[in-house]
N, C-alpha and C. Protein backbone atom coordinates (compact mmCIF):
# COMPACT_ATOMS: atom_id res chain seq x y z
N MET A 1 24.30 -1.25 -25.81
CA MET A 1 23.14 -0.39 -25.58
C MET A 1 23.49 0.64 -24.51
N LYS A 2 23.20 1.87 -24.81
CA LYS A 2 23.50 2.96 -23.89
C LYS A 2 22.40 3.07 -22.83
N ARG A 3 22.82 3.21 -21.60
CA ARG A 3 21.87 3.34 -20.50
C ARG A 3 21.48 4.81 -20.35
N GLU A 4 20.20 5.06 -20.38
CA GLU A 4 19.70 6.43 -20.25
C GLU A 4 19.58 6.80 -18.77
N GLU A 5 19.99 8.00 -18.46
CA GLU A 5 19.87 8.50 -17.09
C GLU A 5 18.68 9.44 -16.94
N THR A 6 18.21 9.97 -18.06
CA THR A 6 17.07 10.88 -18.01
C THR A 6 16.02 10.41 -19.02
N ILE A 7 14.82 10.85 -18.78
CA ILE A 7 13.73 10.58 -19.73
C ILE A 7 12.99 11.88 -19.98
N GLN A 8 12.22 11.91 -21.06
CA GLN A 8 11.45 13.10 -21.35
C GLN A 8 10.09 12.96 -20.69
N TYR A 9 9.79 13.90 -19.81
CA TYR A 9 8.54 13.87 -19.06
C TYR A 9 7.40 14.19 -20.02
N HIS A 10 6.35 13.41 -19.99
CA HIS A 10 5.29 13.51 -20.99
C HIS A 10 4.43 14.76 -20.88
N GLU A 11 4.36 15.39 -19.72
CA GLU A 11 3.51 16.56 -19.58
C GLU A 11 4.23 17.86 -19.95
N SER A 12 5.47 17.97 -19.55
CA SER A 12 6.19 19.23 -19.80
C SER A 12 7.28 19.08 -20.85
N TYR A 13 7.53 17.88 -21.29
CA TYR A 13 8.59 17.57 -22.27
C TYR A 13 9.97 17.93 -21.76
N GLU A 14 10.12 18.05 -20.47
CA GLU A 14 11.44 18.30 -19.89
C GLU A 14 12.11 16.96 -19.63
N HIS A 15 13.42 17.00 -19.60
CA HIS A 15 14.16 15.79 -19.27
C HIS A 15 14.33 15.72 -17.76
N ILE A 16 13.93 14.61 -17.19
CA ILE A 16 14.04 14.42 -15.75
C ILE A 16 14.80 13.14 -15.48
N SER A 17 15.30 13.02 -14.28
CA SER A 17 16.02 11.82 -13.88
C SER A 17 15.07 10.63 -13.92
N ILE A 18 15.57 9.53 -14.38
CA ILE A 18 14.72 8.34 -14.50
C ILE A 18 14.31 7.79 -13.13
N SER A 19 15.06 8.13 -12.10
CA SER A 19 14.73 7.62 -10.77
C SER A 19 13.46 8.26 -10.19
N LEU A 20 13.12 9.46 -10.62
CA LEU A 20 11.93 10.13 -10.08
C LEU A 20 10.64 9.35 -10.35
N PRO A 21 10.35 9.01 -11.59
CA PRO A 21 9.12 8.23 -11.80
C PRO A 21 9.18 6.84 -11.18
N LEU A 22 10.37 6.26 -11.15
CA LEU A 22 10.49 4.93 -10.55
C LEU A 22 10.21 4.97 -9.06
N ASP A 23 10.70 6.03 -8.40
CA ASP A 23 10.40 6.20 -6.98
C ASP A 23 8.91 6.38 -6.76
N ASP A 24 8.29 7.16 -7.66
CA ASP A 24 6.86 7.40 -7.56
C ASP A 24 6.08 6.09 -7.73
N TYR A 25 6.48 5.28 -8.70
CA TYR A 25 5.82 4.00 -8.91
C TYR A 25 6.00 3.09 -7.70
N LYS A 26 7.18 3.13 -7.12
CA LYS A 26 7.44 2.29 -5.95
C LYS A 26 6.54 2.71 -4.78
N LYS A 27 6.41 4.03 -4.57
CA LYS A 27 5.54 4.53 -3.50
C LYS A 27 4.09 4.14 -3.75
N ARG A 28 3.65 4.26 -5.00
CA ARG A 28 2.28 3.89 -5.33
C ARG A 28 2.04 2.40 -5.09
N GLU A 29 3.01 1.60 -5.47
CA GLU A 29 2.87 0.16 -5.28
C GLU A 29 2.80 -0.19 -3.79
N GLU A 30 3.62 0.47 -2.98
CA GLU A 30 3.59 0.23 -1.54
C GLU A 30 2.24 0.64 -0.95
N LYS A 31 1.73 1.80 -1.39
CA LYS A 31 0.42 2.26 -0.91
C LYS A 31 -0.68 1.28 -1.31
N PHE A 32 -0.60 0.82 -2.55
CA PHE A 32 -1.60 -0.13 -3.03
C PHE A 32 -1.55 -1.41 -2.22
N ASN A 33 -0.35 -1.89 -1.93
CA ASN A 33 -0.21 -3.11 -1.14
C ASN A 33 -0.77 -2.93 0.26
N GLU A 34 -0.53 -1.75 0.85
CA GLU A 34 -1.10 -1.46 2.17
C GLU A 34 -2.62 -1.44 2.10
N TYR A 35 -3.15 -0.78 1.07
CA TYR A 35 -4.60 -0.70 0.91
C TYR A 35 -5.19 -2.09 0.70
N GLU A 36 -4.52 -2.87 -0.14
CA GLU A 36 -5.00 -4.22 -0.42
C GLU A 36 -5.00 -5.06 0.86
N HIS A 37 -3.97 -4.91 1.68
CA HIS A 37 -3.90 -5.65 2.94
C HIS A 37 -5.02 -5.20 3.88
N GLU A 38 -5.22 -3.87 3.97
CA GLU A 38 -6.28 -3.35 4.85
C GLU A 38 -7.65 -3.81 4.36
N GLU A 39 -7.85 -3.80 3.05
CA GLU A 39 -9.13 -4.23 2.49
C GLU A 39 -9.37 -5.70 2.78
N THR A 40 -8.33 -6.51 2.64
CA THR A 40 -8.45 -7.94 2.94
C THR A 40 -8.79 -8.14 4.41
N LEU A 41 -8.12 -7.39 5.26
CA LEU A 41 -8.38 -7.49 6.70
C LEU A 41 -9.81 -7.05 7.01
N ARG A 42 -10.25 -5.97 6.36
CA ARG A 42 -11.61 -5.47 6.57
C ARG A 42 -12.64 -6.53 6.16
N LYS A 43 -12.42 -7.17 5.00
CA LYS A 43 -13.34 -8.21 4.55
C LYS A 43 -13.32 -9.40 5.50
N LEU A 44 -12.16 -9.74 5.99
CA LEU A 44 -12.04 -10.85 6.93
C LEU A 44 -12.81 -10.55 8.21
N MET A 45 -12.68 -9.32 8.69
CA MET A 45 -13.37 -8.95 9.92
C MET A 45 -14.88 -8.94 9.73
N GLN A 46 -15.35 -8.62 8.51
CA GLN A 46 -16.79 -8.64 8.26
C GLN A 46 -17.33 -10.07 8.30
N ASN A 47 -16.49 -11.02 7.96
CA ASN A 47 -16.93 -12.41 7.94
C ASN A 47 -16.86 -13.07 9.30
N ILE A 48 -16.18 -12.46 10.23
CA ILE A 48 -16.10 -13.02 11.57
C ILE A 48 -17.33 -12.57 12.35
N VAL A 49 -18.04 -13.52 12.86
CA VAL A 49 -19.24 -13.22 13.64
C VAL A 49 -18.88 -13.35 15.11
N ILE A 50 -19.07 -12.28 15.80
CA ILE A 50 -18.79 -12.30 17.23
C ILE A 50 -20.11 -12.61 17.93
N GLY A 51 -20.15 -13.78 18.53
CA GLY A 51 -21.38 -14.22 19.18
C GLY A 51 -21.53 -13.59 20.55
N SER A 52 -22.74 -13.32 20.89
CA SER A 52 -23.01 -12.77 22.22
C SER A 52 -23.91 -13.75 22.95
N ASN A 53 -23.32 -14.82 23.38
CA ASN A 53 -24.08 -15.84 24.12
C ASN A 53 -24.00 -15.52 25.61
N PHE A 54 -25.16 -15.36 26.20
CA PHE A 54 -25.21 -15.10 27.62
C PHE A 54 -25.88 -16.28 28.31
N VAL A 55 -25.30 -16.72 29.37
CA VAL A 55 -25.92 -17.78 30.17
C VAL A 55 -26.46 -17.12 31.42
N VAL A 56 -27.74 -17.23 31.59
CA VAL A 56 -28.37 -16.63 32.75
C VAL A 56 -28.82 -17.76 33.67
N LYS A 57 -28.39 -17.67 34.88
CA LYS A 57 -28.77 -18.69 35.86
C LYS A 57 -29.61 -18.00 36.93
N SER A 58 -30.79 -18.52 37.11
CA SER A 58 -31.62 -17.94 38.16
C SER A 58 -32.16 -19.07 39.03
N GLU A 59 -32.26 -18.76 40.27
CA GLU A 59 -32.80 -19.73 41.22
C GLU A 59 -33.96 -19.08 41.96
N ALA A 60 -34.94 -19.89 42.25
CA ALA A 60 -36.09 -19.38 43.00
C ALA A 60 -36.29 -20.27 44.22
N ASN A 61 -36.65 -19.65 45.29
CA ASN A 61 -36.92 -20.39 46.51
C ASN A 61 -38.43 -20.65 46.57
N PRO A 62 -38.87 -21.88 46.34
CA PRO A 62 -40.31 -22.15 46.30
C PRO A 62 -40.97 -22.17 47.68
N ILE A 63 -40.18 -22.18 48.72
CA ILE A 63 -40.75 -22.24 50.06
C ILE A 63 -40.94 -20.81 50.57
N THR A 64 -42.18 -20.53 50.91
CA THR A 64 -42.49 -19.20 51.41
C THR A 64 -43.09 -19.35 52.80
N LYS A 65 -42.56 -18.60 53.72
CA LYS A 65 -43.10 -18.65 55.08
C LYS A 65 -44.19 -17.60 55.21
N VAL A 66 -45.32 -18.09 55.67
CA VAL A 66 -46.45 -17.18 55.86
C VAL A 66 -46.86 -17.27 57.33
N GLU A 67 -46.95 -16.14 57.95
CA GLU A 67 -47.40 -16.12 59.34
C GLU A 67 -48.77 -15.47 59.40
N GLN A 68 -49.62 -16.08 60.20
CA GLN A 68 -50.96 -15.55 60.34
C GLN A 68 -51.00 -14.61 61.53
N LYS A 69 -51.66 -13.51 61.33
CA LYS A 69 -51.78 -12.55 62.43
C LYS A 69 -52.72 -13.11 63.50
N GLN A 70 -52.36 -12.93 64.71
CA GLN A 70 -53.23 -13.36 65.80
C GLN A 70 -54.00 -12.17 66.31
N ARG A 71 -55.28 -12.43 66.64
CA ARG A 71 -56.13 -11.35 67.13
C ARG A 71 -56.25 -11.37 68.59
């Protein structure tokens, strides 16, 4: 079987190197994988609930000093 080095491009019917579409497919696949990873990460982050628990400590002094005015 003879190995082809060129293919006929479907839009212009020109013969182009077979590596051009393969490179394009490889780039698309890499982009898709990046997008898929980002989408998975985005979904994961949506499922993580960041709690905002605040502990408030307050103290009150129940003893109050009252002085009476002298006349």
